[in-house]
Amino acid sequence: MIEKTIGQIEETLAGASSLSEKRRAELLKLLAELKTEVAGLAETHHDSAVNITDKTRISADQATRTDDGGPGLDSTIEELKTAVEKFEASHPGLVSVVNSFCNALADLGI
């Protein structure tokens, strides 16, 4: 499930015409880091790992939309950040990469 969702996010980022090549590369790099961090989390907190990847997919979908359907992006990003906050002490790398990914999506200005 997690691998499939990560693949969907990769497809979204790869096909997003609204992204510059530099931003696409940055997001794909962060996604690779997220994949590693979530794999570690899934060993002990599988449901939370699934929740985080799902929220990441929704955030990426909203941020890369070309129509005017992105006003919910801010709340979706906040939900994603909240989902990882409880792992700050035990999985600081996860929190760091999710925050970086959220900031990069928010910087798209959509």
N, C-alpha and C. Protein backbone atom coordinates (compact mmCIF):
# COMPACT_ATOMS: atom_id res chain seq x y z
N MET A 1 0.82 -1.20 0.00
CA MET A 1 0.00 0.00 0.00
C MET A 1 0.87 1.26 0.00
N ILE A 2 1.86 1.29 0.88
CA ILE A 2 2.72 2.47 0.96
C ILE A 2 3.51 2.65 -0.34
N GLU A 3 4.06 1.55 -0.86
CA GLU A 3 4.83 1.61 -2.11
C GLU A 3 3.96 2.12 -3.26
N LYS A 4 2.72 1.65 -3.31
CA LYS A 4 1.80 2.08 -4.37
C LYS A 4 1.53 3.58 -4.26
N THR A 5 1.30 4.04 -3.06
CA THR A 5 1.02 5.47 -2.85
C THR A 5 2.24 6.32 -3.21
N ILE A 6 3.43 5.88 -2.83
CA ILE A 6 4.65 6.61 -3.20
C ILE A 6 4.77 6.66 -4.72
N GLY A 7 4.45 5.55 -5.39
CA GLY A 7 4.46 5.51 -6.86
C GLY A 7 3.48 6.50 -7.46
N GLN A 8 2.30 6.64 -6.85
CA GLN A 8 1.31 7.60 -7.32
C GLN A 8 1.81 9.03 -7.17
N ILE A 9 2.49 9.29 -6.07
CA ILE A 9 3.05 10.63 -5.86
C ILE A 9 4.13 10.91 -6.91
N GLU A 10 4.98 9.94 -7.17
CA GLU A 10 6.02 10.09 -8.21
C GLU A 10 5.39 10.40 -9.55
N GLU A 11 4.31 9.69 -9.90
CA GLU A 11 3.62 9.93 -11.16
C GLU A 11 3.04 11.34 -11.21
N THR A 12 2.45 11.76 -10.11
CA THR A 12 1.88 13.11 -10.04
C THR A 12 2.95 14.16 -10.28
N LEU A 13 4.08 14.02 -9.59
CA LEU A 13 5.15 15.00 -9.72
C LEU A 13 5.77 14.96 -11.12
N ALA A 14 5.94 13.76 -11.65
CA ALA A 14 6.55 13.62 -12.98
C ALA A 14 5.67 14.22 -14.07
N GLY A 15 4.36 14.14 -13.89
CA GLY A 15 3.45 14.63 -14.92
C GLY A 15 2.92 16.03 -14.70
N ALA A 16 3.37 16.71 -13.66
CA ALA A 16 2.84 18.04 -13.34
C ALA A 16 3.47 19.10 -14.22
N SER A 17 2.68 19.65 -15.11
CA SER A 17 3.19 20.69 -16.00
C SER A 17 3.45 22.01 -15.27
N SER A 18 2.89 22.14 -14.08
CA SER A 18 3.06 23.38 -13.31
C SER A 18 4.41 23.45 -12.59
N LEU A 19 5.19 22.36 -12.63
CA LEU A 19 6.48 22.32 -11.93
C LEU A 19 7.63 22.62 -12.88
N SER A 20 8.56 23.43 -12.42
CA SER A 20 9.80 23.60 -13.16
C SER A 20 10.63 22.33 -12.96
N GLU A 21 11.59 22.11 -13.81
CA GLU A 21 12.43 20.92 -13.68
C GLU A 21 13.21 20.95 -12.35
N LYS A 22 13.63 22.12 -11.95
CA LYS A 22 14.36 22.25 -10.69
C LYS A 22 13.47 21.87 -9.51
N ARG A 23 12.25 22.38 -9.50
CA ARG A 23 11.32 22.08 -8.40
C ARG A 23 10.92 20.61 -8.42
N ARG A 24 10.70 20.06 -9.62
CA ARG A 24 10.35 18.64 -9.75
C ARG A 24 11.46 17.76 -9.17
N ALA A 25 12.70 18.08 -9.52
CA ALA A 25 13.85 17.32 -9.01
C ALA A 25 13.94 17.42 -7.49
N GLU A 26 13.70 18.61 -6.96
CA GLU A 26 13.73 18.81 -5.51
C GLU A 26 12.67 17.97 -4.82
N LEU A 27 11.45 17.99 -5.36
CA LEU A 27 10.36 17.24 -4.76
C LEU A 27 10.59 15.73 -4.87
N LEU A 28 11.10 15.28 -6.00
CA LEU A 28 11.38 13.85 -6.16
C LEU A 28 12.48 13.38 -5.21
N LYS A 29 13.47 14.24 -4.98
CA LYS A 29 14.53 13.91 -4.02
C LYS A 29 13.94 13.81 -2.61
N LEU A 30 13.11 14.76 -2.24
CA LEU A 30 12.46 14.72 -0.93
C LEU A 30 11.55 13.50 -0.80
N LEU A 31 10.88 13.15 -1.90
CA LEU A 31 10.02 11.98 -1.87
C LEU A 31 10.82 10.70 -1.65
N ALA A 32 11.99 10.62 -2.24
CA ALA A 32 12.86 9.45 -2.02
C ALA A 32 13.27 9.38 -0.55
N GLU A 33 13.57 10.52 0.05
CA GLU A 33 13.90 10.55 1.47
C GLU A 33 12.70 10.15 2.32
N LEU A 34 11.52 10.65 1.94
CA LEU A 34 10.30 10.30 2.66
C LEU A 34 10.04 8.80 2.59
N LYS A 35 10.27 8.22 1.44
CA LYS A 35 10.07 6.78 1.26
C LYS A 35 10.92 5.99 2.26
N THR A 36 12.16 6.39 2.41
CA THR A 36 13.05 5.73 3.35
C THR A 36 12.57 5.91 4.79
N GLU A 37 12.21 7.12 5.14
CA GLU A 37 11.76 7.40 6.50
C GLU A 37 10.46 6.68 6.84
N VAL A 38 9.53 6.65 5.89
CA VAL A 38 8.24 6.01 6.13
C VAL A 38 8.41 4.49 6.25
N ALA A 39 9.35 3.94 5.51
CA ALA A 39 9.61 2.50 5.61
C ALA A 39 10.01 2.14 7.03
N GLY A 40 10.84 2.96 7.65
CA GLY A 40 11.25 2.72 9.04
C GLY A 40 10.07 2.86 9.99
N LEU A 41 9.24 3.86 9.76
CA LEU A 41 8.08 4.07 10.61
C LEU A 41 7.09 2.91 10.48
N ALA A 42 6.94 2.39 9.26
CA ALA A 42 5.96 1.33 9.01
C ALA A 42 6.25 0.06 9.81
N GLU A 43 7.49 -0.13 10.17
CA GLU A 43 7.85 -1.32 10.95
C GLU A 43 7.20 -1.32 12.33
N THR A 44 6.99 -0.15 12.89
CA THR A 44 6.42 -0.06 14.24
C THR A 44 5.05 0.61 14.29
N HIS A 45 4.76 1.44 13.30
CA HIS A 45 3.50 2.20 13.27
C HIS A 45 2.93 2.19 11.85
N HIS A 46 2.53 1.02 11.40
CA HIS A 46 2.10 0.85 10.01
C HIS A 46 0.95 1.80 9.63
N ASP A 47 -0.08 1.87 10.46
CA ASP A 47 -1.23 2.71 10.14
C ASP A 47 -0.84 4.18 10.02
N SER A 48 0.04 4.64 10.87
CA SER A 48 0.51 6.02 10.80
C SER A 48 1.31 6.26 9.52
N ALA A 49 2.12 5.29 9.13
CA ALA A 49 2.90 5.41 7.89
C ALA A 49 1.98 5.50 6.68
N VAL A 50 0.94 4.69 6.68
CA VAL A 50 -0.05 4.73 5.58
C VAL A 50 -0.74 6.09 5.57
N ASN A 51 -1.14 6.58 6.73
CA ASN A 51 -1.81 7.87 6.85
C ASN A 51 -0.92 9.00 6.32
N ILE A 52 0.34 8.97 6.68
CA ILE A 52 1.28 10.02 6.25
C ILE A 52 1.47 9.97 4.73
N THR A 53 1.64 8.79 4.17
CA THR A 53 1.81 8.72 2.71
C THR A 53 0.54 9.14 1.99
N ASP A 54 -0.63 8.79 2.53
CA ASP A 54 -1.89 9.22 1.91
C ASP A 54 -2.02 10.74 1.93
N LYS A 55 -1.70 11.35 3.06
CA LYS A 55 -1.78 12.81 3.17
C LYS A 55 -0.75 13.49 2.26
N THR A 56 0.40 12.86 2.10
CA THR A 56 1.41 13.40 1.19
C THR A 56 0.90 13.35 -0.24
N ARG A 57 0.26 12.26 -0.63
CA ARG A 57 -0.29 12.14 -1.98
C ARG A 57 -1.36 13.20 -2.23
N ILE A 58 -2.25 13.38 -1.28
CA ILE A 58 -3.31 14.39 -1.43
C ILE A 58 -2.70 15.78 -1.55
N SER A 59 -1.70 16.07 -0.73
CA SER A 59 -1.03 17.38 -0.79
C SER A 59 -0.37 17.60 -2.15
N ALA A 60 0.32 16.58 -2.64
CA ALA A 60 0.98 16.70 -3.95
C ALA A 60 -0.04 16.88 -5.06
N ASP A 61 -1.15 16.15 -4.98
CA ASP A 61 -2.21 16.30 -5.98
C ASP A 61 -2.74 17.72 -5.99
N GLN A 62 -3.04 18.23 -4.81
CA GLN A 62 -3.60 19.59 -4.72
C GLN A 62 -2.60 20.64 -5.17
N ALA A 63 -1.36 20.49 -4.80
CA ALA A 63 -0.35 21.50 -5.11
C ALA A 63 -0.03 21.56 -6.60
N THR A 64 -0.21 20.46 -7.30
CA THR A 64 0.18 20.43 -8.71
C THR A 64 -1.00 20.57 -9.66
N ARG A 65 -2.17 20.81 -9.14
CA ARG A 65 -3.34 21.00 -10.01
C ARG A 65 -3.17 22.27 -10.83
N THR A 66 -3.63 22.21 -12.06
CA THR A 66 -3.53 23.39 -12.93
C THR A 66 -4.82 24.19 -12.94
N ASP A 67 -5.92 23.62 -12.42
CA ASP A 67 -7.15 24.38 -12.34
C ASP A 67 -7.19 25.16 -11.03
N ASP A 68 -8.30 25.73 -10.74
CA ASP A 68 -8.40 26.57 -9.54
C ASP A 68 -8.89 25.76 -8.34
N GLY A 69 -8.48 24.49 -8.26
CA GLY A 69 -8.98 23.63 -7.20
C GLY A 69 -8.06 23.50 -6.02
N GLY A 70 -7.14 24.44 -5.81
CA GLY A 70 -6.15 24.27 -4.77
C GLY A 70 -6.33 25.02 -3.48
N PRO A 71 -7.48 25.62 -3.18
CA PRO A 71 -7.56 26.38 -1.93
C PRO A 71 -7.45 25.52 -0.68
N GLY A 72 -7.65 24.23 -0.77
CA GLY A 72 -7.55 23.37 0.40
C GLY A 72 -6.14 22.93 0.70
N LEU A 73 -5.18 23.38 -0.10
CA LEU A 73 -3.80 22.95 0.07
C LEU A 73 -3.25 23.29 1.45
N ASP A 74 -3.50 24.48 1.92
CA ASP A 74 -2.97 24.88 3.24
C ASP A 74 -3.46 23.96 4.34
N SER A 75 -4.74 23.63 4.33
CA SER A 75 -5.26 22.76 5.39
C SER A 75 -4.73 21.34 5.24
N THR A 76 -4.56 20.88 4.01
CA THR A 76 -4.02 19.53 3.79
C THR A 76 -2.57 19.45 4.26
N ILE A 77 -1.79 20.48 3.99
CA ILE A 77 -0.40 20.51 4.44
C ILE A 77 -0.35 20.53 5.97
N GLU A 78 -1.23 21.29 6.59
CA GLU A 78 -1.26 21.32 8.06
C GLU A 78 -1.63 19.95 8.63
N GLU A 79 -2.57 19.26 7.99
CA GLU A 79 -2.93 17.91 8.43
C GLU A 79 -1.74 16.97 8.33
N LEU A 80 -0.97 17.09 7.25
CA LEU A 80 0.22 16.25 7.07
C LEU A 80 1.25 16.55 8.15
N LYS A 81 1.50 17.83 8.40
CA LYS A 81 2.46 18.19 9.44
C LYS A 81 2.01 17.68 10.81
N THR A 82 0.72 17.78 11.09
CA THR A 82 0.18 17.30 12.37
C THR A 82 0.34 15.79 12.49
N ALA A 83 0.18 15.08 11.38
CA ALA A 83 0.29 13.62 11.40
C ALA A 83 1.68 13.14 11.80
N VAL A 84 2.71 13.95 11.54
CA VAL A 84 4.06 13.52 11.88
C VAL A 84 4.59 14.10 13.18
N GLU A 85 3.91 15.09 13.73
CA GLU A 85 4.41 15.75 14.95
C GLU A 85 4.66 14.78 16.09
N LYS A 86 3.81 13.78 16.25
CA LYS A 86 3.97 12.87 17.39
C LYS A 86 5.20 11.98 17.25
N PHE A 87 5.83 11.99 16.08
CA PHE A 87 7.02 11.17 15.85
C PHE A 87 8.30 11.99 15.89
N GLU A 88 8.19 13.25 16.31
CA GLU A 88 9.35 14.13 16.30
C GLU A 88 10.51 13.58 17.13
N ALA A 89 10.23 13.03 18.29
CA ALA A 89 11.30 12.51 19.14
C ALA A 89 11.85 11.19 18.63
N SER A 90 10.98 10.31 18.18
CA SER A 90 11.42 8.98 17.77
C SER A 90 11.88 8.88 16.32
N HIS A 91 11.38 9.76 15.46
CA HIS A 91 11.72 9.73 14.03
C HIS A 91 11.98 11.16 13.53
N PRO A 92 13.01 11.81 14.02
CA PRO A 92 13.25 13.21 13.63
C PRO A 92 13.50 13.38 12.13
N GLY A 93 14.07 12.39 11.48
CA GLY A 93 14.30 12.49 10.03
C GLY A 93 12.99 12.54 9.27
N LEU A 94 12.00 11.79 9.71
CA LEU A 94 10.68 11.80 9.08
C LEU A 94 10.06 13.18 9.19
N VAL A 95 10.09 13.75 10.36
CA VAL A 95 9.50 15.07 10.58
C VAL A 95 10.22 16.10 9.71
N SER A 96 11.52 16.02 9.65
CA SER A 96 12.30 16.98 8.85
C SER A 96 11.95 16.89 7.37
N VAL A 97 11.91 15.68 6.84
CA VAL A 97 11.64 15.54 5.40
C VAL A 97 10.19 15.91 5.07
N VAL A 98 9.25 15.58 5.94
CA VAL A 98 7.85 15.97 5.69
C VAL A 98 7.72 17.48 5.72
N ASN A 99 8.36 18.13 6.68
CA ASN A 99 8.31 19.59 6.73
C ASN A 99 8.94 20.21 5.48
N SER A 100 10.04 19.67 5.02
CA SER A 100 10.68 20.18 3.80
C SER A 100 9.78 19.97 2.59
N PHE A 101 9.15 18.80 2.50
CA PHE A 101 8.25 18.51 1.39
C PHE A 101 7.05 19.46 1.42
N CYS A 102 6.47 19.66 2.60
CA CYS A 102 5.34 20.58 2.74
C CYS A 102 5.72 22.00 2.35
N ASN A 103 6.88 22.44 2.79
CA ASN A 103 7.33 23.79 2.45
C ASN A 103 7.53 23.94 0.95
N ALA A 104 8.09 22.91 0.31
CA ALA A 104 8.29 22.96 -1.13
C ALA A 104 6.96 23.02 -1.88
N LEU A 105 5.98 22.27 -1.41
CA LEU A 105 4.65 22.32 -2.04
C LEU A 105 4.00 23.68 -1.80
N ALA A 106 4.11 24.18 -0.60
CA ALA A 106 3.51 25.49 -0.30
C ALA A 106 4.15 26.60 -1.11
N ASP A 107 5.44 26.47 -1.40
CA ASP A 107 6.16 27.47 -2.18
C ASP A 107 5.73 27.51 -3.65
N LEU A 108 4.98 26.51 -4.09
CA LEU A 108 4.52 26.52 -5.47
C LEU A 108 3.57 27.69 -5.71
N GLY A 109 2.94 28.17 -4.63
CA GLY A 109 2.09 29.35 -4.75
C GLY A 109 0.79 29.09 -5.44
N ILE A 110 0.36 27.86 -5.45
CA ILE A 110 -0.91 27.53 -6.12
C ILE A 110 -2.01 27.51 -5.09
